[in-house]
Every structure is written in structure tokens, then in C-alpha cells.
C-alpha atoms as a PDB file:
ATOM      1  CA  PRO A   1      19.738  10.166   3.744  1.00  0.00           C
ATOM      2  CA  GLY A   2      19.569  12.871   6.369  1.00  0.00           C
ATOM      3  CA  SER A   3      19.918  16.588   6.856  1.00  0.00           C
ATOM      4  CA  PHE A   4      22.979  17.742   8.767  1.00  0.00           C
ATOM      5  CA  ASN A   5      20.712  19.950  10.886  1.00  0.00           C
ATOM      6  CA  LYS A   6      18.754  16.883  11.990  1.00  0.00           C
ATOM      7  CA  ILE A   7      21.860  14.853  12.733  1.00  0.00           C
ATOM      8  CA  LEU A   8      23.163  17.497  15.153  1.00  0.00           C
ATOM      9  CA  ILE A   9      20.043  17.824  17.319  1.00  0.00           C
ATOM     10  CA  THR A  10      20.960  18.764  20.885  1.00  0.00           C
ATOM     11  CA  TYR A  11      19.476  16.569  23.602  1.00  0.00           C
ATOM     12  CA  GLU A  12      18.720  17.534  27.222  1.00  0.00           C
ATOM     13  CA  THR A  13      22.302  16.784  28.219  1.00  0.00           C
ATOM     14  CA  GLY A  14      23.547  19.569  25.963  1.00  0.00           C
ATOM     15  CA  THR A  15      25.729  17.291  23.874  1.00  0.00           C
ATOM     16  CA  TYR A  16      25.409  16.626  20.197  1.00  0.00           C
ATOM     17  CA  ASN A  17      24.564  12.939  20.184  1.00  0.00           C
ATOM     18  CA  GLY A  18      22.548  13.329  17.021  1.00  0.00           C
ATOM     19  CA  GLN A  19      20.136  11.232  15.039  1.00  0.00           C
ATOM     20  CA  TRP A  20      22.692   8.838  13.524  1.00  0.00           C
ATOM     21  CA  SER A  21      20.495   5.772  13.946  1.00  0.00           C
ATOM     22  CA  ALA A  22      17.612   7.408  12.073  1.00  0.00           C
ATOM     23  CA  VAL A  23      19.949   8.439   9.262  1.00  0.00           C
ATOM     24  CA  GLY A  24      21.387   4.925   9.043  1.00  0.00           C
ATOM     25  CA  ARG A  25      17.917   3.348   9.015  1.00  0.00           C
ATOM     26  CA  THR A  26      16.843   5.781   6.298  1.00  0.00           C
ATOM     27  CA  ALA A  27      19.763   4.749   4.102  1.00  0.00           C
ATOM     28  CA  VAL A  28      19.139   1.040   4.623  1.00  0.00           C
ATOM     29  CA  THR A  29      15.369   1.073   4.123  1.00  0.00           C
ATOM     30  CA  THR A  30      15.541   3.334   1.071  1.00  0.00           C
ATOM     31  CA  THR A  31      18.137   1.091  -0.552  1.00  0.00           C
ATOM     32  CA  LEU A  32      16.230  -2.110   0.242  1.00  0.00           C
ATOM     33  CA  ALA A  33      12.885  -0.815  -1.032  1.00  0.00           C
ATOM     34  CA  GLY A  34      14.384   0.603  -4.219  1.00  0.00           C
ATOM     35  CA  CYS A  35      16.370  -2.513  -5.078  1.00  0.00           C
ATOM     36  CA  THR A  36      13.454  -4.823  -4.336  1.00  0.00           C
ATOM     37  CA  ALA A  37      11.137  -2.754  -6.515  1.00  0.00           C
ATOM     38  CA  ALA A  38      13.700  -2.626  -9.338  1.00  0.00           C
ATOM     39  CA  LEU A  39      14.125  -6.409  -9.392  1.00  0.00           C
ATOM     40  CA  THR A  40      10.403  -7.057  -9.047  1.00  0.00           C
ATOM     41  CA  THR A  41       9.642  -4.684 -11.905  1.00  0.00           C
ATOM     42  CA  LEU A  42      12.392  -6.207 -14.057  1.00  0.00           C
ATOM     43  CA  PHE A  43      11.081  -9.743 -13.757  1.00  0.00           C
ATOM     44  CA  GLY A  44       7.415  -8.699 -13.663  1.00  0.00           C
ATOM     45  CA  LYS A  45       7.675  -6.793 -16.948  1.00  0.00           C
ATOM     46  CA  ARG A  46       9.645  -9.684 -18.440  1.00  0.00           C
ATOM     47  CA  LEU A  47       6.783 -12.045 -17.598  1.00  0.00           C
ATOM     48  CA  LEU A  48       4.149  -9.616 -18.881  1.00  0.00           C
ATOM     49  CA  SER A  49       5.801  -8.385 -22.062  1.00  0.00           C
ATOM     50  CA  GLY A  50       8.370 -11.050 -22.911  1.00  0.00           C
ATOM     51  CA  HIS A  51      11.357  -8.708 -23.182  1.00  0.00           C
ATOM     52  CA  TRP A  52      13.936  -7.010 -20.963  1.00  0.00           C
ATOM     53  CA  ASN A  53      13.897  -3.230 -20.682  1.00  0.00           C
ATOM     54  CA  VAL A  54      16.318  -1.096 -18.691  1.00  0.00           C
ATOM     55  CA  THR A  55      13.763   1.729 -18.449  1.00  0.00           C
ATOM     56  CA  ASP A  56      11.480  -0.568 -16.479  1.00  0.00           C
ATOM     57  CA  VAL A  57      14.275  -1.240 -13.984  1.00  0.00           C
ATOM     58  CA  CYS A  58      14.931   2.487 -13.545  1.00  0.00           C
ATOM     59  CA  ASN A  59      11.236   3.246 -13.081  1.00  0.00           C
ATOM     60  CA  GLY A  60      10.907   0.340 -10.650  1.00  0.00           C
ATOM     61  CA  LEU A  61      13.802   1.729  -8.622  1.00  0.00           C
ATOM     62  CA  LEU A  62      12.199   5.171  -8.521  1.00  0.00           C
ATOM     63  CA  GLY A  63       8.853   3.585  -7.663  1.00  0.00           C
ATOM     64  CA  GLY A  64      10.448   1.836  -4.703  1.00  0.00           C
ATOM     65  CA  PHE A  65      11.952   5.125  -3.580  1.00  0.00           C
ATOM     66  CA  ALA A  66       8.560   6.855  -3.867  1.00  0.00           C
ATOM     67  CA  ALA A  67       6.875   4.019  -1.983  1.00  0.00           C
ATOM     68  CA  ILE A  68       9.248   4.090   1.011  1.00  0.00           C
ATOM     69  CA  THR A  69       9.783   7.854   1.295  1.00  0.00           C
ATOM     70  CA  GLY A  70       6.963   8.500   3.766  1.00  0.00           C
ATOM     71  CA  GLY A  71       8.202   6.114   6.423  1.00  0.00           C
ATOM     72  CA  CYS A  72      11.829   5.458   5.564  1.00  0.00           C
ATOM     73  CA  SER A  73      13.178   6.452   8.987  1.00  0.00           C
ATOM     74  CA  VAL A  74      10.736   4.361  11.040  1.00  0.00           C
ATOM     75  CA  VAL A  75      10.118   1.251   8.901  1.00  0.00           C
ATOM     76  CA  GLU A  76      11.954  -1.962   9.767  1.00  0.00           C
ATOM     77  CA  PRO A  77      14.313  -3.271   7.045  1.00  0.00           C
ATOM     78  CA  TRP A  78      12.200  -6.396   6.418  1.00  0.00           C
ATOM     79  CA  ALA A  79       9.128  -4.176   5.958  1.00  0.00           C
ATOM     80  CA  ALA A  80      11.031  -1.991   3.489  1.00  0.00           C
ATOM     81  CA  ILE A  81      11.498  -5.058   1.279  1.00  0.00           C
ATOM     82  CA  ILE A  82       7.745  -5.711   1.362  1.00  0.00           C
ATOM     83  CA  CYS A  83       7.027  -2.047   0.705  1.00  0.00           C
ATOM     84  CA  GLY A  84       9.291  -2.096  -2.358  1.00  0.00           C
ATOM     85  CA  PHE A  85       7.720  -5.323  -3.617  1.00  0.00           C
ATOM     86  CA  VAL A  86       4.180  -3.982  -3.310  1.00  0.00           C
ATOM     87  CA  GLY A  87       5.283  -0.654  -4.788  1.00  0.00           C
ATOM     88  CA  ALA A  88       6.505  -2.497  -7.885  1.00  0.00           C
ATOM     89  CA  LEU A  89       3.180  -4.322  -8.170  1.00  0.00           C
ATOM     90  CA  VAL A  90       1.357  -1.000  -7.854  1.00  0.00           C
ATOM     91  CA  LEU A  91       3.561   0.442 -10.609  1.00  0.00           C
ATOM     92  CA  LEU A  92       2.862  -2.513 -12.892  1.00  0.00           C
ATOM     93  CA  GLY A  93      -0.866  -2.208 -12.209  1.00  0.00           C
ATOM     94  CA  CYS A  94      -0.894   1.528 -12.839  1.00  0.00           C
ATOM     95  CA  ASN A  95       0.983   0.977 -16.102  1.00  0.00           C
ATOM     96  CA  LYS A  96      -1.633  -1.539 -17.231  1.00  0.00           C
ATOM     97  CA  LEU A  97      -4.409   0.869 -16.254  1.00  0.00           C
ATOM     98  CA  ALA A  98      -2.758   3.738 -18.156  1.00  0.00           C
ATOM     99  CA  GLU A  99      -2.421   1.449 -21.182  1.00  0.00           C
ATOM    100  CA  LYS A 100      -6.122   0.543 -21.064  1.00  0.00           C
ATOM    101  CA  LEU A 101      -7.143   4.198 -20.659  1.00  0.00           C
ATOM    102  CA  LYS A 102      -4.774   5.170 -23.508  1.00  0.00           C
ATOM    103  CA  TYR A 103      -3.053   7.644 -21.199  1.00  0.00           C
ATOM    104  CA  ASP A 104       0.091   8.880 -22.916  1.00  0.00           C
ATOM    105  CA  ASP A 105       2.920   9.120 -20.392  1.00  0.00           C
ATOM    106  CA  PRO A 106       6.123   7.720 -21.906  1.00  0.00           C
ATOM    107  CA  LEU A 107       8.130   8.311 -18.715  1.00  0.00           C
ATOM    108  CA  GLU A 108       5.468   6.718 -16.484  1.00  0.00           C
ATOM    109  CA  ALA A 109       5.780   9.715 -14.162  1.00  0.00           C
ATOM    110  CA  ALA A 110       2.123   9.849 -13.128  1.00  0.00           C
ATOM    111  CA  GLN A 111       2.000   6.107 -12.456  1.00  0.00           C
ATOM    112  CA  LEU A 112       5.299   6.159 -10.610  1.00  0.00           C
ATOM    113  CA  HIS A 113       4.803   9.192  -8.398  1.00  0.00           C
ATOM    114  CA  GLY A 114       1.026   8.985  -8.125  1.00  0.00           C
ATOM    115  CA  GLY A 115       0.600   5.236  -7.690  1.00  0.00           C
ATOM    116  CA  CYS A 116       3.720   4.328  -5.751  1.00  0.00           C
ATOM    117  CA  GLY A 117       3.664   7.564  -3.777  1.00  0.00           C
ATOM    118  CA  ALA A 118       0.083   6.917  -2.718  1.00  0.00           C
ATOM    119  CA  TRP A 119       0.981   3.374  -1.693  1.00  0.00           C
END
């Protein structure tokens, strides 16, 4: 969740106190957003299609990661959960839009990276 060069930033005192809190927050918020999006996508697709699909869970997880990436080191943990939830809804909406437009993307890469990344 963090580059070693960023962890060892020297402060005015000349010691290597580092950015450990930012790295820890990045790990927590990324995990929370991804897991929330995975579960939301799992149950959302189950309600929409009537079946379980492991690919939807994987894409939901990646969608949550794409949604939180921009602010993962500054977002509060509770906000990361909301970001992952909305990211999953954006992914589901983009999938429906791609289906209506007959856009052929079996991996949902454009919806995932474009939609969730924009969110």
C-alpha cells in the first residue's frame, strides 16, 4: 500500500519518522472499499439476474479498488465503505448500459475502469 521511498521521507528534524500512518490508512481504506464493492456486486447481481457468479464478485472487488484509488490515503474508513458501495452501483449501472448498447466486453474492463475509476 505504499512505496518504500515515501515511507522513509525525512522531516525537518532529520530523522526518518516516515509516512506510516498514510500507508496504514491506504491499506485499510483499499481493503474496505474493495470488500464492500465485492459484496454489493455479489448480492446486486443476484437480485438482478437470479444467479450467483464468481466473476461478478471479482469485478466488484476490482471496481471497489478503482473507485478508492484516487483518495485512498486521505479518505476516512467509513467513507471508504460508502465509496465501495457506490462504486459497485456504478459498475452495475455501467454493465446494464453496456448491455443495452450491445457493447461487447466480456471482462467488463471498460465499465470497471472507466465507470468506477471516474466515480
